[in-house]
Amino acid sequence: MNKLSYGLLSLLSIMPQTGYDLLLSLNRFWHTNHSAIYPLLAELEEKGYARYTSIDQQGKPDKKIYSITEDGMTALKKWIVSPLEDAVIKDEMILKAFCIEIFDYATVEILLEQIEARYQKQLERYKKYLKDMQTNVNSKAEPINNLILGGYILIQKGIIDAQSGIKWCRWIRNLYDKHETFDFTIIDFEKIMD
């Protein structure tokens, strides 16, 4: 199975979902589309890792609610502890930042504004996720369970990544403003002014 299949099982381990709900949930971590999701759901069902329940809808095709099976949970647990591969990075920003030294400050500032705006947008999105999660958890009478923990820690990682990206942009500006030389030491981002 490919990683996207395991991603679907991961989401189904939290709660039953429709294919569309799975697409929306998965796109928070990994961009994909309907044409990739539905064949994999059929494959997971064929292997006995997932099943669905049909819900009749008037004037529309039946809605399929997918859930993970015991065999699917076993496969997911094996995958969770398997060795991690290096992340595949396809980020235009990284390529642009790599050749930053050949541009004048005005061009660099345009790039940094775009990068910082991207991080700021990411930060606001994750703050909204956190607020929504808090609202949803506080509105339920049931005790918090471990299923919420995964979402919470990923939201916090998104917030930390965005905050450090904003600090990185400020550090680059400072480097350019002061025309400093660099000594190839690890930068302490905690000391960068907010």
Protein backbone atom coordinates (compact mmCIF):
# COMPACT_ATOMS: atom_id res chain seq x y z
CA MET A 1 0.00 0.00 0.00
CA ASN A 2 1.12 3.55 -0.60
CA LYS A 3 1.38 6.29 2.04
CA LEU A 4 -1.88 7.87 0.95
CA SER A 5 -3.66 4.59 1.74
CA TYR A 6 -2.17 4.66 5.22
CA GLY A 7 -3.21 8.30 5.50
CA LEU A 8 -6.79 7.27 4.80
CA LEU A 9 -6.61 4.51 7.38
CA SER A 10 -5.16 6.99 9.88
CA LEU A 11 -8.12 9.30 9.42
CA LEU A 12 -10.59 6.43 9.55
CA SER A 13 -9.04 5.24 12.81
CA ILE A 14 -10.27 8.46 14.39
CA MET A 15 -13.84 8.27 13.09
CA PRO A 16 -15.94 7.03 10.16
CA GLN A 17 -16.04 9.53 7.29
CA THR A 18 -17.28 9.97 3.75
CA GLY A 19 -14.82 10.10 0.89
CA TYR A 20 -15.35 13.84 0.67
CA ASP A 21 -14.71 14.31 4.40
CA LEU A 22 -11.55 12.24 4.08
CA LEU A 23 -10.39 14.45 1.21
CA LEU A 24 -10.92 17.61 3.26
CA SER A 25 -9.18 16.13 6.32
CA LEU A 26 -6.27 14.74 4.33
CA ASN A 27 -5.66 18.00 2.48
CA ARG A 28 -4.63 19.58 5.77
CA PHE A 29 -1.50 17.40 5.61
CA TRP A 30 -1.11 16.17 2.06
CA HIS A 31 -2.59 17.70 -1.07
CA THR A 32 -4.62 15.21 -3.08
CA ASN A 33 -7.86 15.01 -5.06
CA HIS A 34 -10.97 12.86 -5.55
CA SER A 35 -9.41 10.83 -8.35
CA ALA A 36 -6.71 9.59 -5.95
CA ILE A 37 -8.94 9.00 -2.93
CA TYR A 38 -11.81 6.92 -4.28
CA PRO A 39 -9.75 4.18 -5.99
CA LEU A 40 -7.73 3.80 -2.79
CA LEU A 41 -10.89 3.52 -0.70
CA ALA A 42 -12.08 0.75 -3.04
CA GLU A 43 -8.70 -0.96 -2.68
CA LEU A 44 -8.82 -0.69 1.11
CA GLU A 45 -12.28 -2.20 1.07
CA GLU A 46 -11.15 -5.01 -1.24
CA LYS A 47 -8.26 -5.83 1.11
CA GLY A 48 -10.61 -5.85 4.09
CA TYR A 49 -9.00 -2.80 5.72
CA ALA A 50 -12.06 -0.58 5.41
CA ARG A 51 -15.79 -0.98 4.90
CA TYR A 52 -18.62 1.37 4.21
CA THR A 53 -22.23 1.82 5.14
CA SER A 54 -24.60 3.34 2.58
CA ILE A 55 -27.00 6.08 3.55
CA ASP A 56 -29.91 6.78 1.22
CA GLN A 57 -30.18 10.35 -0.05
CA GLN A 58 -33.09 11.73 -2.02
CA GLY A 59 -32.20 12.93 -5.49
CA LYS A 60 -28.52 12.08 -5.01
CA PRO A 61 -26.40 8.95 -5.05
CA ASP A 62 -26.19 7.07 -1.75
CA LYS A 63 -23.67 8.45 0.70
CA LYS A 64 -20.92 6.03 1.72
CA ILE A 65 -19.58 6.31 5.25
CA TYR A 66 -16.23 4.52 5.49
CA SER A 67 -14.79 3.01 8.67
CA ILE A 68 -11.64 1.08 9.48
CA THR A 69 -11.80 -2.67 10.13
CA GLU A 70 -9.80 -4.68 12.66
CA ASP A 71 -7.47 -5.81 9.85
CA GLY A 72 -7.11 -2.18 8.79
CA MET A 73 -6.18 -1.20 12.34
CA THR A 74 -3.57 -3.98 12.43
CA ALA A 75 -2.06 -2.77 9.13
CA LEU A 76 -2.08 0.82 10.40
CA LYS A 77 -0.31 -0.14 13.64
CA LYS A 78 2.42 -1.94 11.67
CA TRP A 79 2.87 1.10 9.42
CA ILE A 80 3.01 3.54 12.35
CA VAL A 81 6.11 1.83 13.79
CA SER A 82 7.81 1.22 10.43
CA PRO A 83 10.90 3.38 9.71
CA LEU A 84 10.19 6.91 8.48
CA GLU A 85 11.44 7.92 5.06
CA ASP A 86 12.90 11.34 4.39
CA ALA A 87 10.23 13.93 3.67
CA VAL A 88 9.71 14.81 0.02
CA ILE A 89 10.06 18.57 -0.25
CA LYS A 90 8.60 20.32 -3.26
CA ASP A 91 8.57 23.95 -2.25
CA GLU A 92 9.08 26.82 -4.66
CA MET A 93 10.04 29.06 -1.74
CA ILE A 94 13.11 26.92 -1.01
CA LEU A 95 14.31 27.30 -4.60
CA LYS A 96 13.80 31.05 -4.54
CA ALA A 97 15.56 31.42 -1.19
CA PHE A 98 18.51 29.40 -2.45
CA CYS A 99 19.44 32.01 -5.07
CA ILE A 100 18.60 35.06 -2.94
CA GLU A 101 22.15 36.44 -2.97
CA ILE A 102 22.02 37.41 -6.64
CA PHE A 103 19.16 39.89 -6.14
CA ASP A 104 19.08 43.45 -4.91
CA TYR A 105 17.49 44.29 -1.57
CA ALA A 106 14.21 45.53 -3.11
CA THR A 107 13.70 42.19 -4.88
CA VAL A 108 14.67 40.28 -1.76
CA GLU A 109 12.17 42.33 0.26
CA ILE A 110 9.36 41.45 -2.18
CA LEU A 111 10.23 37.77 -1.82
CA LEU A 112 10.45 38.01 1.98
CA GLU A 113 7.08 39.78 2.14
CA GLN A 114 5.53 36.94 0.15
CA ILE A 115 7.15 34.27 2.31
CA GLU A 116 6.21 36.01 5.55
CA ALA A 117 2.63 36.47 4.31
CA ARG A 118 2.47 32.75 3.59
CA TYR A 119 3.67 31.91 7.09
CA GLN A 120 1.27 34.45 8.60
CA LYS A 121 -1.63 32.89 6.69
CA GLN A 122 -0.53 29.45 7.91
CA LEU A 123 -0.32 30.75 11.48
CA GLU A 124 -3.84 32.20 11.32
CA ARG A 125 -5.21 28.98 9.82
CA TYR A 126 -3.71 26.85 12.60
CA LYS A 127 -4.90 29.27 15.27
CA LYS A 128 -8.41 28.91 13.83
CA TYR A 129 -8.08 25.11 13.89
CA LEU A 130 -7.05 25.34 17.55
CA LYS A 131 -9.98 27.61 18.41
CA ASP A 132 -12.41 25.32 16.55
CA MET A 133 -11.00 22.30 18.37
CA GLN A 134 -11.34 24.02 21.73
CA THR A 135 -14.93 25.00 20.94
CA ASN A 136 -15.83 21.47 19.82
CA VAL A 137 -14.20 19.81 22.83
CA ASN A 138 -15.70 22.24 25.35
CA SER A 139 -19.17 21.82 23.84
CA LYS A 140 -19.18 18.06 24.46
CA ALA A 141 -20.02 16.52 27.79
CA GLU A 142 -17.83 13.48 27.20
CA PRO A 143 -14.25 13.38 28.53
CA ILE A 144 -11.39 14.25 26.20
CA ASN A 145 -9.96 11.16 24.59
CA ASN A 146 -6.62 10.35 22.98
CA LEU A 147 -8.09 10.80 19.49
CA ILE A 148 -8.08 14.56 20.01
CA LEU A 149 -4.42 14.51 21.01
CA GLY A 150 -3.17 13.80 17.46
CA GLY A 151 -4.99 16.79 16.02
CA TYR A 152 -3.85 18.99 18.88
CA ILE A 153 -0.16 18.16 18.56
CA LEU A 154 -0.24 18.68 14.78
CA ILE A 155 -1.96 22.04 15.16
CA GLN A 156 0.75 23.06 17.65
CA LYS A 157 3.45 21.91 15.20
CA GLY A 158 1.85 24.02 12.47
CA ILE A 159 1.84 27.04 14.78
CA ILE A 160 5.49 26.51 15.78
CA ASP A 161 6.54 26.05 12.13
CA ALA A 162 4.74 29.24 11.07
CA GLN A 163 6.17 31.25 13.96
CA SER A 164 9.71 30.07 13.21
CA GLY A 165 9.19 30.82 9.49
CA ILE A 166 8.24 34.40 10.35
CA LYS A 167 11.32 34.70 12.58
CA TRP A 168 13.44 33.25 9.76
CA CYS A 169 12.22 36.01 7.41
CA ARG A 170 13.10 38.63 10.05
CA TRP A 171 16.54 37.09 10.49
CA ILE A 172 17.18 37.27 6.72
CA ARG A 173 16.16 40.95 6.70
CA ASN A 174 18.50 41.61 9.60
CA LEU A 175 21.32 39.84 7.78
CA TYR A 176 20.73 41.99 4.69
CA ASP A 177 20.22 45.25 6.63
CA LYS A 178 23.45 44.93 8.55
CA HIS A 179 25.41 43.39 5.67
CA GLU A 180 26.75 40.97 8.23
CA THR A 181 29.08 38.15 7.56
CA PHE A 182 27.96 34.82 8.84
CA ASP A 183 29.95 32.33 10.82
CA PHE A 184 27.98 29.16 10.01
CA THR A 185 26.77 28.68 13.57
CA ILE A 186 23.27 27.53 14.38
CA ILE A 187 20.98 30.51 14.80
CA ASP A 188 19.13 30.80 18.11
CA PHE A 189 15.67 31.84 16.89
CA GLU A 190 14.52 32.36 20.47
CA LYS A 191 16.71 35.48 20.55
CA ILE A 192 15.25 36.99 17.38
CA MET A 193 13.00 39.89 18.27
CA ASP A 194 9.24 39.47 17.77
